[in-house]
Protein backbone atom coordinates (compact mmCIF):
# COMPACT_ATOMS: atom_id res chain seq x y z
CA MET A 1 42.20 -54.26 -179.13
CA ARG A 2 46.11 -53.63 -179.85
CA GLY A 3 47.16 -50.58 -177.69
CA ASP A 4 44.14 -51.38 -175.02
CA THR A 5 44.31 -52.50 -171.48
CA GLU A 6 42.36 -55.47 -171.51
CA VAL A 7 40.82 -56.23 -168.06
CA PHE A 8 38.85 -59.62 -167.37
CA ASN A 9 36.91 -61.02 -163.93
CA ILE A 10 36.40 -64.65 -163.98
CA THR A 11 34.64 -66.56 -160.98
CA VAL A 12 35.74 -70.06 -160.87
CA THR A 13 32.91 -72.41 -160.02
CA ASP A 14 32.47 -75.85 -158.84
CA SER A 15 29.96 -78.55 -161.18
CA ALA A 16 27.09 -76.71 -159.19
CA GLY A 17 27.95 -73.09 -159.71
CA ALA A 18 29.37 -72.36 -156.00
CA PRO A 19 32.61 -70.08 -155.96
CA ILE A 20 35.75 -72.25 -155.44
CA ASP A 21 38.07 -71.18 -152.33
CA LEU A 22 41.21 -70.09 -154.57
CA THR A 23 42.83 -68.80 -150.97
CA GLY A 24 47.14 -69.76 -151.78
CA ASP A 25 46.80 -70.47 -155.30
CA ILE A 26 48.40 -68.98 -158.42
CA PHE A 27 47.16 -68.07 -161.61
CA THR A 28 49.09 -67.57 -165.16
CA SER A 29 47.60 -66.43 -168.02
CA GLN A 30 49.49 -65.96 -171.62
CA ILE A 31 48.82 -65.49 -175.28
CA ARG A 32 50.95 -67.19 -177.99
CA TYR A 33 50.36 -66.97 -182.07
CA ASN A 34 50.36 -70.65 -182.18
CA ARG A 35 49.49 -73.13 -179.66
CA ASP A 36 53.09 -74.54 -179.54
CA ASP A 37 55.00 -71.65 -180.06
CA SER A 38 57.90 -71.54 -177.42
CA SER A 39 57.74 -67.90 -177.47
CA ILE A 40 55.20 -66.00 -175.13
CA ALA A 41 53.32 -63.35 -176.95
CA ALA A 42 51.81 -61.17 -173.68
CA THR A 43 51.16 -62.63 -170.25
CA PHE A 44 48.30 -61.18 -168.43
CA ASN A 45 48.79 -59.77 -164.88
CA CYS A 46 46.56 -62.39 -162.63
CA THR A 47 45.22 -61.42 -159.30
CA VAL A 48 43.10 -63.19 -156.96
CA PRO A 49 41.08 -59.64 -155.26
CA ASN A 50 38.33 -61.80 -153.55
CA PRO A 51 39.80 -65.96 -152.95
CA THR A 52 36.95 -67.11 -150.89
CA ALA A 53 34.24 -65.92 -154.15
CA GLY A 54 36.47 -67.78 -156.77
CA GLU A 55 37.66 -64.02 -158.34
CA VAL A 56 40.00 -63.85 -160.61
CA ARG A 57 41.14 -61.06 -162.32
CA LEU A 58 43.39 -60.56 -165.46
CA THR A 59 45.17 -57.76 -166.98
CA LEU A 60 46.86 -56.80 -169.87
CA PRO A 61 48.40 -53.58 -169.91
CA ALA A 62 48.45 -51.08 -173.14
CA GLY A 63 51.89 -50.96 -173.17
CA THR A 64 51.92 -55.27 -173.61
CA SER A 65 48.82 -55.31 -175.68
CA ALA A 66 50.31 -52.28 -178.15
CA THR A 67 53.37 -54.70 -178.55
CA LEU A 68 50.88 -57.85 -180.25
CA THR A 69 51.00 -58.38 -183.93
CA SER A 70 47.18 -58.34 -185.59
CA GLY A 71 45.52 -61.28 -186.28
CA SER A 72 44.72 -64.66 -184.64
CA ALA A 73 46.39 -66.34 -181.35
CA PHE A 74 45.64 -68.46 -178.46
CA TRP A 75 45.44 -67.92 -174.99
CA ASP A 76 44.50 -69.81 -171.92
CA LEU A 77 44.10 -69.31 -167.78
CA GLN A 78 46.17 -71.84 -165.47
CA ARG A 79 45.72 -72.54 -161.76
CA ASN A 80 48.19 -73.76 -159.85
CA ASP A 81 46.46 -75.34 -156.11
CA ALA A 82 49.87 -76.50 -154.24
CA GLY A 83 51.03 -77.52 -157.39
CA VAL A 84 48.32 -79.38 -159.05
CA ILE A 85 47.96 -77.53 -162.46
CA THR A 86 44.23 -77.09 -164.24
CA THR A 87 43.41 -75.20 -166.84
CA ILE A 88 40.66 -72.74 -165.87
CA ILE A 89 39.70 -71.51 -169.72
CA ALA A 90 41.15 -71.39 -172.75
CA GLY A 91 40.71 -70.44 -176.29
CA LYS A 92 41.48 -68.60 -179.55
CA CYS A 93 41.37 -64.56 -179.69
CA THR A 94 41.63 -62.15 -182.52
CA ILE A 95 43.93 -59.18 -182.26
CA LEU A 96 42.46 -56.21 -183.37
CA ALA A 97 44.78 -53.24 -185.00
CA ASP A 98 43.67 -50.28 -183.30
CA VAL A 99 42.48 -47.13 -185.28
CA THR A 100 42.82 -44.02 -182.74
CA ARG A 101 46.36 -43.30 -181.56
């Protein structure tokens, strides 16, 4: 919802479902209105609260989400493990206009 603080908790696992140790890894996550847009619509704050449990937290502050335009957009989450970049998850999202202000 535009204007809301959005928080997503993701656990990164291997093919057997075991958490991957994320110690020292850096994560980035962005929203763009079109996949190939040069401009970024928003950037999530990414933290790793429990690296040995594979936990990543993405936060989009209310002030940032308030600037988004309603409609379709795309996002992804990328992991930088000592220079090896991997997209962990990606997809399309819908930005909804807020009703209560």
